[in-house]
Amino acid sequence: MLDLARCRAWIEAVATAVAERKDELTELDAAIGDADHGANLHRGFTAVQAALGGDFAPETVGQALVKVGMTLISSVGGASGPLYGSAFRAMGKQLATPEADADQFALALRSGLDAVRALGAAAAGDKTMVDALGPAVTAFDDAVGKGLGFADAARAAAQAAEDGAKATVPLQARKGRASYLGERSIGHQDPGATSTALIFTALADVFR
């Protein structure tokens, strides 16, 4: 189950991973974007850590995730704030319970993916975060459908996201800032897909 304690631990793990890898994310973005992805996400999740602290006392996992989403939207510039913020907010709106089982979380992940697609109008193969998020959501759902528990489903999602991020290297970008480069975007791993994989890896680590 994803209870409030694990939810907080997940977000803390994401914040830590972003801080540790912000230079890598920025280098990836420098090749095909605005060279600010790592810095933007670091700023956003630092703000999230502050927002989840203090007097904030959510009663449900959903309230915590909605808080994460709203904070990212308000504190992160560029496309990553609205995209990640919308994903977390959509997930949170699906989880109005103190804890979420794997089936509930699978539905929430699907809502997050739908929100990202609706906002960014990106599809698989466009060389965006969707190329990691889509496979991760499918892998989590498939694992749950096979009767696997939350931990196994999270590991499957993390591996799918990592594989999806690596698979963006040979793609030509068709959405976002990278699309302006045309064929020059080929040969570079998408930074948004990379940070998406990081988020799912953090989830798997919390359950490990």
Protein backbone atom coordinates (compact mmCIF):
# COMPACT_ATOMS: atom_id res chain seq x y z
CA MET A 1 0.00 0.00 0.00
CA LEU A 2 1.05 3.58 -0.61
CA ASP A 3 0.23 5.26 2.67
CA LEU A 4 1.04 8.82 3.67
CA ALA A 5 4.40 7.88 5.16
CA ARG A 6 5.51 6.09 2.00
CA CYS A 7 4.09 8.88 -0.15
CA ARG A 8 6.18 11.44 1.71
CA ALA A 9 9.21 9.15 1.50
CA TRP A 10 8.69 8.84 -2.26
CA ILE A 11 8.61 12.59 -2.80
CA GLU A 12 11.65 13.04 -0.56
CA ALA A 13 13.47 10.38 -2.58
CA VAL A 14 12.57 12.19 -5.80
CA ALA A 15 13.83 15.49 -4.39
CA THR A 16 17.09 13.86 -3.34
CA ALA A 17 17.57 12.19 -6.72
CA VAL A 18 16.85 15.42 -8.58
CA ALA A 19 19.38 17.27 -6.42
CA GLU A 20 22.01 14.60 -7.08
CA ARG A 21 21.40 14.46 -10.84
CA LYS A 22 20.40 18.03 -11.67
CA ASP A 23 23.66 18.67 -13.54
CA GLU A 24 23.14 15.54 -15.65
CA LEU A 25 19.57 16.60 -16.45
CA THR A 26 20.76 20.07 -17.37
CA GLU A 27 23.48 18.66 -19.64
CA LEU A 28 20.90 16.54 -21.46
CA ASP A 29 18.69 19.60 -21.84
CA ALA A 30 21.59 21.73 -23.04
CA ALA A 31 21.95 19.46 -26.06
CA ILE A 32 18.35 19.78 -27.28
CA GLY A 33 16.59 22.31 -25.06
CA ASP A 34 17.05 25.38 -22.89
CA ALA A 35 19.64 23.90 -20.48
CA ASP A 36 17.39 24.46 -17.48
CA HIS A 37 15.60 21.15 -16.85
CA GLY A 38 17.76 20.06 -13.93
CA ALA A 39 17.75 23.48 -12.29
CA ASN A 40 14.01 23.87 -12.76
CA LEU A 41 13.15 20.50 -11.26
CA HIS A 42 15.55 21.04 -8.38
CA ARG A 43 13.87 24.34 -7.59
CA GLY A 44 10.46 22.74 -7.87
CA PHE A 45 11.08 19.77 -5.61
CA THR A 46 12.87 21.95 -3.09
CA ALA A 47 9.67 23.98 -2.95
CA VAL A 48 7.67 20.75 -2.66
CA GLN A 49 9.73 19.65 0.33
CA ALA A 50 8.93 22.94 2.05
CA ALA A 51 5.24 22.70 1.11
CA LEU A 52 4.91 19.19 2.55
CA GLY A 53 6.58 20.24 5.78
CA GLY A 54 5.48 22.64 8.46
CA ASP A 55 1.79 22.64 9.34
CA PHE A 56 0.61 20.77 6.26
CA ALA A 57 -1.22 17.66 7.46
CA PRO A 58 -2.95 15.82 4.61
CA GLU A 59 -5.56 13.24 5.49
CA THR A 60 -5.21 11.31 2.23
CA VAL A 61 -2.49 10.34 -0.19
CA GLY A 62 -4.41 12.29 -2.79
CA GLN A 63 -4.20 15.53 -0.83
CA ALA A 64 -0.44 15.14 -0.57
CA LEU A 65 -0.03 14.50 -4.30
CA VAL A 66 -2.31 17.40 -5.23
CA LYS A 67 -0.12 19.61 -3.04
CA VAL A 68 2.95 18.35 -4.90
CA GLY A 69 1.32 19.11 -8.22
CA MET A 70 0.14 22.59 -7.33
CA THR A 71 3.55 23.47 -5.90
CA LEU A 72 5.35 22.33 -9.05
CA ILE A 73 2.98 24.32 -11.24
CA SER A 74 3.54 27.49 -9.22
CA SER A 75 7.30 27.19 -8.71
CA VAL A 76 8.79 25.65 -11.85
CA GLY A 77 9.33 27.55 -15.06
CA GLY A 78 9.32 26.14 -18.57
CA ALA A 79 7.25 23.16 -19.59
CA SER A 80 8.28 20.77 -16.83
CA GLY A 81 6.37 22.55 -14.05
CA PRO A 82 2.96 22.45 -15.71
CA LEU A 83 3.50 18.94 -17.07
CA TYR A 84 4.73 17.29 -13.89
CA GLY A 85 2.40 19.41 -11.80
CA SER A 86 -0.60 18.38 -13.85
CA ALA A 87 0.41 14.72 -13.60
CA PHE A 88 0.74 14.75 -9.80
CA ARG A 89 -2.44 16.77 -9.38
CA ALA A 90 -4.43 14.41 -11.61
CA MET A 91 -3.07 11.43 -9.70
CA GLY A 92 -3.97 13.01 -6.41
CA LYS A 93 -7.54 13.67 -7.44
CA GLN A 94 -7.96 9.93 -7.95
CA LEU A 95 -6.77 8.97 -4.47
CA ALA A 96 -9.19 10.21 -1.81
CA THR A 97 -8.10 7.64 0.79
CA PRO A 98 -5.46 7.55 3.55
CA GLU A 99 -3.67 4.83 1.58
CA ALA A 100 -3.81 3.48 -1.96
CA ASP A 101 -3.48 -0.12 -3.09
CA ALA A 102 -1.85 -1.11 -6.35
CA ASP A 103 -5.13 -1.12 -8.29
CA GLN A 104 -6.01 2.38 -7.14
CA PHE A 105 -2.52 3.66 -7.89
CA ALA A 106 -2.62 2.13 -11.38
CA LEU A 107 -5.75 4.16 -12.13
CA ALA A 108 -4.11 7.27 -10.69
CA LEU A 109 -1.05 6.78 -12.88
CA ARG A 110 -3.28 6.50 -15.92
CA SER A 111 -4.95 9.79 -14.97
CA GLY A 112 -1.52 11.41 -14.65
CA LEU A 113 -0.52 10.19 -18.09
CA ASP A 114 -3.78 11.44 -19.58
CA ALA A 115 -3.19 14.87 -18.05
CA VAL A 116 0.30 15.09 -19.54
CA ARG A 117 -0.93 14.03 -22.96
CA ALA A 118 -3.78 16.52 -22.86
CA LEU A 119 -1.51 19.41 -21.87
CA GLY A 120 1.50 18.65 -24.05
CA ALA A 121 -0.31 16.97 -26.96
CA ALA A 122 2.55 14.46 -27.13
CA ALA A 123 2.34 10.81 -28.13
CA ALA A 124 4.71 7.88 -27.94
CA GLY A 125 7.67 8.42 -30.23
CA ASP A 126 7.63 12.22 -30.01
CA LYS A 127 10.79 12.20 -27.83
CA THR A 128 9.21 13.58 -24.65
CA MET A 129 8.51 12.45 -21.11
CA VAL A 130 5.57 10.46 -22.52
CA ASP A 131 8.08 7.97 -23.96
CA ALA A 132 9.03 7.01 -20.40
CA LEU A 133 5.74 7.74 -18.63
CA GLY A 134 3.58 5.73 -21.03
CA PRO A 135 5.59 2.49 -20.75
CA ALA A 136 5.86 2.91 -16.97
CA VAL A 137 2.10 3.26 -16.57
CA THR A 138 1.49 0.24 -18.81
CA ALA A 139 4.08 -1.86 -16.98
CA PHE A 140 2.59 -1.00 -13.58
CA ASP A 141 -0.90 -1.82 -14.83
CA ASP A 142 0.23 -5.09 -16.42
CA ALA A 143 2.00 -6.15 -13.22
CA VAL A 144 -1.10 -5.46 -11.16
CA GLY A 145 -3.19 -7.38 -13.69
CA LYS A 146 -0.92 -10.39 -13.15
CA GLY A 147 -1.60 -10.24 -9.42
CA LEU A 148 1.78 -8.80 -8.44
CA GLY A 149 2.04 -6.51 -5.44
CA PHE A 150 2.84 -2.82 -5.26
CA ALA A 151 6.58 -3.33 -4.89
CA ASP A 152 6.88 -5.60 -7.91
CA ALA A 153 4.66 -3.30 -9.98
CA ALA A 154 6.79 -0.30 -9.01
CA ARG A 155 9.97 -2.11 -10.04
CA ALA A 156 8.42 -3.05 -13.37
CA ALA A 157 7.36 0.54 -13.95
CA ALA A 158 10.81 1.86 -13.07
CA GLN A 159 12.49 -0.51 -15.52
CA ALA A 160 10.01 0.37 -18.26
CA ALA A 161 10.56 4.08 -17.69
CA GLU A 162 14.33 3.65 -17.81
CA ASP A 163 14.08 1.63 -21.03
CA GLY A 164 11.72 4.21 -22.49
CA ALA A 165 14.09 7.05 -21.68
CA LYS A 166 17.01 5.26 -23.35
CA ALA A 167 14.85 4.56 -26.38
CA THR A 168 14.48 8.29 -27.02
CA VAL A 169 18.11 8.57 -28.11
CA PRO A 170 17.56 7.62 -31.79
CA LEU A 171 14.27 9.51 -32.07
CA GLN A 172 13.74 12.85 -33.76
CA ALA A 173 11.85 15.24 -31.50
CA ARG A 174 8.39 16.21 -32.68
CA LYS A 175 7.23 18.21 -29.68
CA GLY A 176 8.67 20.85 -27.40
CA ARG A 177 11.80 22.94 -27.70
CA ALA A 178 13.80 20.02 -29.06
CA SER A 179 11.53 19.76 -32.11
CA TYR A 180 13.01 23.03 -33.42
CA LEU A 181 16.29 21.18 -34.01
CA GLY A 182 14.80 18.69 -36.43
CA GLU A 183 17.26 15.91 -37.25
CA ARG A 184 19.85 17.44 -34.92
CA SER A 185 17.77 16.20 -31.99
CA ILE A 186 18.62 12.61 -32.98
CA GLY A 187 21.29 10.98 -30.84
CA HIS A 188 20.39 12.68 -27.56
CA GLN A 189 18.39 11.25 -24.66
CA ASP A 190 15.34 13.30 -23.79
CA PRO A 191 15.74 15.06 -20.43
CA GLY A 192 12.04 14.85 -19.55
CA ALA A 193 11.97 11.11 -20.17
CA THR A 194 15.10 10.81 -18.05
CA SER A 195 13.61 12.67 -15.09
CA THR A 196 10.42 10.62 -15.43
CA ALA A 197 12.48 7.45 -15.07
CA LEU A 198 14.12 8.99 -12.03
CA ILE A 199 10.71 9.51 -10.39
CA PHE A 200 9.67 5.89 -10.93
CA THR A 201 13.02 4.62 -9.71
CA ALA A 202 12.49 6.60 -6.52
CA LEU A 203 9.09 4.95 -6.09
CA ALA A 204 10.58 1.50 -6.53
CA ASP A 205 13.36 2.32 -4.06
CA VAL A 206 10.85 3.33 -1.40
CA PHE A 207 9.16 -0.08 -1.66
CA ARG A 208 12.48 -1.93 -1.82
